């Protein structure tokens, strides 16, 4: 079943001070960004074939979308249309968190293993590892 728990998903360090957890559907991707104070901000970039949403959960962020810069706080949401130039950086001295949603899937290579990270698959692997460890 496609049920997930963020805390059980693998955490990838994508740049200094920034880590992601990712979930993949058939045509969309959701990821949780965790940024440490002083973490590396993104550079101005765009996604020609992907639209994206950002939902701010913690921290204060400076977000620039097509030259319009705003300060975002928990509860704020930004829609980035396909091809729109954007960048973000955290401006607070505490950890920040946000959710990103891409449509279509942005990291197709990582999405190939999505079935391994459902709650049921992780629980099954954990139970098998405990059973193997107990039989030693």
C-alpha atoms as a PDB file:
ATOM      1  CA  UNK A   1       0.000   0.000   0.000  1.00  0.00           C
ATOM      2  CA  UNK A   2       1.288   3.490  -0.771  1.00  0.00           C
ATOM      3  CA  UNK A   3       1.450   4.804   2.807  1.00  0.00           C
ATOM      4  CA  UNK A   4       4.536   6.671   3.980  1.00  0.00           C
ATOM      5  CA  UNK A   5       6.089   8.168   7.092  1.00  0.00           C
ATOM      6  CA  UNK A   6       8.505  11.074   6.587  1.00  0.00           C
ATOM      7  CA  UNK A   7      10.712   9.962   9.484  1.00  0.00           C
ATOM      8  CA  UNK A   8      11.277   6.547   7.883  1.00  0.00           C
ATOM      9  CA  UNK A   9      12.234   7.866   4.444  1.00  0.00           C
ATOM     10  CA  UNK A  10      15.913   8.092   3.463  1.00  0.00           C
ATOM     11  CA  UNK A  11      17.476  11.503   4.000  1.00  0.00           C
ATOM     12  CA  UNK A  12      19.739  12.752   1.217  1.00  0.00           C
ATOM     13  CA  UNK A  13      22.269  15.558   1.681  1.00  0.00           C
ATOM     14  CA  UNK A  14      21.932  17.454  -1.586  1.00  0.00           C
ATOM     15  CA  UNK A  15      24.136  20.435  -0.753  1.00  0.00           C
ATOM     16  CA  UNK A  16      25.839  21.689   2.432  1.00  0.00           C
ATOM     17  CA  UNK A  17      23.233  22.293   5.128  1.00  0.00           C
ATOM     18  CA  UNK A  18      20.307  21.074   3.006  1.00  0.00           C
ATOM     19  CA  UNK A  19      18.697  17.640   3.063  1.00  0.00           C
ATOM     20  CA  UNK A  20      15.619  16.129   1.405  1.00  0.00           C
ATOM     21  CA  UNK A  21      13.224  13.270   1.947  1.00  0.00           C
ATOM     22  CA  UNK A  22      11.251  12.351  -1.188  1.00  0.00           C
ATOM     23  CA  UNK A  23       8.009  10.548  -2.036  1.00  0.00           C
ATOM     24  CA  UNK A  24       7.023   9.691  -5.604  1.00  0.00           C
ATOM     25  CA  UNK A  25       3.667   9.085  -7.209  1.00  0.00           C
ATOM     26  CA  UNK A  26       3.039   8.101 -10.800  1.00  0.00           C
ATOM     27  CA  UNK A  27       3.079  11.681 -12.070  1.00  0.00           C
ATOM     28  CA  UNK A  28       4.118  13.846  -9.132  1.00  0.00           C
ATOM     29  CA  UNK A  29       6.801  14.145  -6.484  1.00  0.00           C
ATOM     30  CA  UNK A  30       6.694  15.565  -2.972  1.00  0.00           C
ATOM     31  CA  UNK A  31       9.799  16.319  -0.978  1.00  0.00           C
ATOM     32  CA  UNK A  32      10.569  17.634   2.454  1.00  0.00           C
ATOM     33  CA  UNK A  33      13.493  20.083   2.591  1.00  0.00           C
ATOM     34  CA  UNK A  34      15.269  20.503   5.917  1.00  0.00           C
ATOM     35  CA  UNK A  35      17.689  23.443   5.977  1.00  0.00           C
ATOM     36  CA  UNK A  36      20.244  24.082   8.695  1.00  0.00           C
ATOM     37  CA  UNK A  37      21.118  27.684   9.622  1.00  0.00           C
ATOM     38  CA  UNK A  38      23.681  28.892   7.107  1.00  0.00           C
ATOM     39  CA  UNK A  39      22.740  26.113   4.665  1.00  0.00           C
ATOM     40  CA  UNK A  40      23.545  26.617   1.009  1.00  0.00           C
ATOM     41  CA  UNK A  41      20.756  28.537  -0.761  1.00  0.00           C
ATOM     42  CA  UNK A  42      19.630  27.610  -4.248  1.00  0.00           C
ATOM     43  CA  UNK A  43      20.958  29.523  -7.213  1.00  0.00           C
ATOM     44  CA  UNK A  44      18.501  31.150  -9.624  1.00  0.00           C
ATOM     45  CA  UNK A  45      17.113  28.317 -11.742  1.00  0.00           C
ATOM     46  CA  UNK A  46      14.042  27.093 -13.548  1.00  0.00           C
ATOM     47  CA  UNK A  47      12.382  23.822 -14.457  1.00  0.00           C
ATOM     48  CA  UNK A  48      11.217  24.084 -18.087  1.00  0.00           C
ATOM     49  CA  UNK A  49       9.002  20.986 -17.865  1.00  0.00           C
ATOM     50  CA  UNK A  50       7.897  21.046 -14.215  1.00  0.00           C
ATOM     51  CA  UNK A  51       5.632  23.198 -12.128  1.00  0.00           C
ATOM     52  CA  UNK A  52       6.279  23.335  -8.407  1.00  0.00           C
ATOM     53  CA  UNK A  53       4.629  24.326  -5.122  1.00  0.00           C
ATOM     54  CA  UNK A  54       6.503  25.337  -1.962  1.00  0.00           C
ATOM     55  CA  UNK A  55       4.746  25.170   1.426  1.00  0.00           C
ATOM     56  CA  UNK A  56       6.736  26.826   4.230  1.00  0.00           C
ATOM     57  CA  UNK A  57       6.611  24.867   7.496  1.00  0.00           C
ATOM     58  CA  UNK A  58       9.361  26.441   9.641  1.00  0.00           C
ATOM     59  CA  UNK A  59      11.815  29.295   9.458  1.00  0.00           C
ATOM     60  CA  UNK A  60      11.816  32.474   7.440  1.00  0.00           C
ATOM     61  CA  UNK A  61      12.777  32.323   3.778  1.00  0.00           C
ATOM     62  CA  UNK A  62      13.572  34.845   1.087  1.00  0.00           C
ATOM     63  CA  UNK A  63      11.954  33.659  -2.124  1.00  0.00           C
ATOM     64  CA  UNK A  64      12.488  35.255  -5.527  1.00  0.00           C
ATOM     65  CA  UNK A  65      10.118  34.344  -8.345  1.00  0.00           C
ATOM     66  CA  UNK A  66      10.625  36.008 -11.716  1.00  0.00           C
ATOM     67  CA  UNK A  67      12.366  38.979 -10.063  1.00  0.00           C
ATOM     68  CA  UNK A  68       9.731  39.458  -7.320  1.00  0.00           C
ATOM     69  CA  UNK A  69      11.343  38.869  -3.892  1.00  0.00           C
ATOM     70  CA  UNK A  70       9.209  38.135  -0.829  1.00  0.00           C
ATOM     71  CA  UNK A  71       9.820  37.026   2.752  1.00  0.00           C
ATOM     72  CA  UNK A  72       7.922  33.806   3.479  1.00  0.00           C
ATOM     73  CA  UNK A  73       6.967  32.361   6.854  1.00  0.00           C
ATOM     74  CA  UNK A  74       5.169  29.204   8.046  1.00  0.00           C
ATOM     75  CA  UNK A  75       1.860  28.770   6.254  1.00  0.00           C
ATOM     76  CA  UNK A  76       2.936  30.625   3.098  1.00  0.00           C
ATOM     77  CA  UNK A  77       2.680  28.817  -0.241  1.00  0.00           C
ATOM     78  CA  UNK A  78       4.275  29.674  -3.587  1.00  0.00           C
ATOM     79  CA  UNK A  79       3.315  28.279  -6.991  1.00  0.00           C
ATOM     80  CA  UNK A  80       6.183  28.237  -9.502  1.00  0.00           C
ATOM     81  CA  UNK A  81       4.900  27.804 -13.070  1.00  0.00           C
ATOM     82  CA  UNK A  82       6.842  25.768 -15.628  1.00  0.00           C
ATOM     83  CA  UNK A  83       9.946  27.651 -16.758  1.00  0.00           C
ATOM     84  CA  UNK A  84       9.726  30.422 -14.120  1.00  0.00           C
ATOM     85  CA  UNK A  85      13.079  31.562 -12.695  1.00  0.00           C
ATOM     86  CA  UNK A  86      13.189  31.204  -8.926  1.00  0.00           C
ATOM     87  CA  UNK A  87      15.513  30.862  -5.943  1.00  0.00           C
ATOM     88  CA  UNK A  88      15.220  30.666  -2.185  1.00  0.00           C
ATOM     89  CA  UNK A  89      17.371  31.093   0.859  1.00  0.00           C
ATOM     90  CA  UNK A  90      16.669  30.772   4.545  1.00  0.00           C
ATOM     91  CA  UNK A  91      17.074  33.998   6.529  1.00  0.00           C
ATOM     92  CA  UNK A  92      16.656  32.764  10.130  1.00  0.00           C
ATOM     93  CA  UNK A  93      19.183  31.281  12.560  1.00  0.00           C
ATOM     94  CA  UNK A  94      17.074  28.204  13.308  1.00  0.00           C
ATOM     95  CA  UNK A  95      16.397  25.131  11.175  1.00  0.00           C
ATOM     96  CA  UNK A  96      13.875  25.619   8.388  1.00  0.00           C
ATOM     97  CA  UNK A  97      11.527  23.162   6.735  1.00  0.00           C
ATOM     98  CA  UNK A  98       9.323  23.241   3.685  1.00  0.00           C
ATOM     99  CA  UNK A  99       7.429  20.890   1.402  1.00  0.00           C
ATOM    100  CA  UNK A 100       7.969  20.970  -2.347  1.00  0.00           C
ATOM    101  CA  UNK A 101       5.602  19.351  -4.830  1.00  0.00           C
ATOM    102  CA  UNK A 102       6.680  18.779  -8.448  1.00  0.00           C
ATOM    103  CA  UNK A 103       4.488  17.817 -11.341  1.00  0.00           C
ATOM    104  CA  UNK A 104       5.500  15.751 -13.228  1.00  0.00           C
ATOM    105  CA  UNK A 105       8.083  13.752 -11.242  1.00  0.00           C
ATOM    106  CA  UNK A 106      11.361  15.690 -11.123  1.00  0.00           C
ATOM    107  CA  UNK A 107      13.810  12.962  -9.980  1.00  0.00           C
ATOM    108  CA  UNK A 108      12.742  10.080 -12.234  1.00  0.00           C
ATOM    109  CA  UNK A 109      15.823   7.953 -11.455  1.00  0.00           C
ATOM    110  CA  UNK A 110      15.091   8.067  -7.720  1.00  0.00           C
ATOM    111  CA  UNK A 111      11.401   7.358  -8.349  1.00  0.00           C
ATOM    112  CA  UNK A 112      12.221   3.896  -9.740  1.00  0.00           C
ATOM    113  CA  UNK A 113      12.762   2.598  -6.173  1.00  0.00           C
ATOM    114  CA  UNK A 114       9.710   4.305  -4.640  1.00  0.00           C
ATOM    115  CA  UNK A 115       8.083   0.982  -3.703  1.00  0.00           C
ATOM    116  CA  UNK A 116      10.972   0.319  -1.271  1.00  0.00           C
ATOM    117  CA  UNK A 117      10.054   3.274   0.924  1.00  0.00           C
ATOM    118  CA  UNK A 118       6.417   2.694   1.751  1.00  0.00           C
ATOM    119  CA  UNK A 119       5.697   2.166   5.438  1.00  0.00           C
ATOM    120  CA  UNK A 120       4.802  -1.488   4.791  1.00  0.00           C
ATOM    121  CA  UNK A 121       8.041  -2.207   2.871  1.00  0.00           C
ATOM    122  CA  UNK A 122      10.178  -0.592   5.581  1.00  0.00           C
ATOM    123  CA  UNK A 123       8.372  -2.465   8.358  1.00  0.00           C
ATOM    124  CA  UNK A 124       8.814  -5.743   6.476  1.00  0.00           C
ATOM    125  CA  UNK A 125      12.575  -5.163   6.036  1.00  0.00           C
ATOM    126  CA  UNK A 126      12.892  -4.179   9.703  1.00  0.00           C
ATOM    127  CA  UNK A 127      11.037  -7.307  10.851  1.00  0.00           C
ATOM    128  CA  UNK A 128      13.205  -9.509   8.602  1.00  0.00           C
ATOM    129  CA  UNK A 129      16.396  -7.888   9.939  1.00  0.00           C
ATOM    130  CA  UNK A 130      15.252  -8.369  13.539  1.00  0.00           C
ATOM    131  CA  UNK A 131      14.352 -12.006  12.838  1.00  0.00           C
ATOM    132  CA  UNK A 132      17.777 -12.611  11.268  1.00  0.00           C
ATOM    133  CA  UNK A 133      19.544 -10.876  14.170  1.00  0.00           C
ATOM    134  CA  UNK A 134      17.528 -12.908  16.701  1.00  0.00           C
ATOM    135  CA  UNK A 135      18.491 -16.220  15.086  1.00  0.00           C
ATOM    136  CA  UNK A 136      22.247 -15.587  15.481  1.00  0.00           C
END
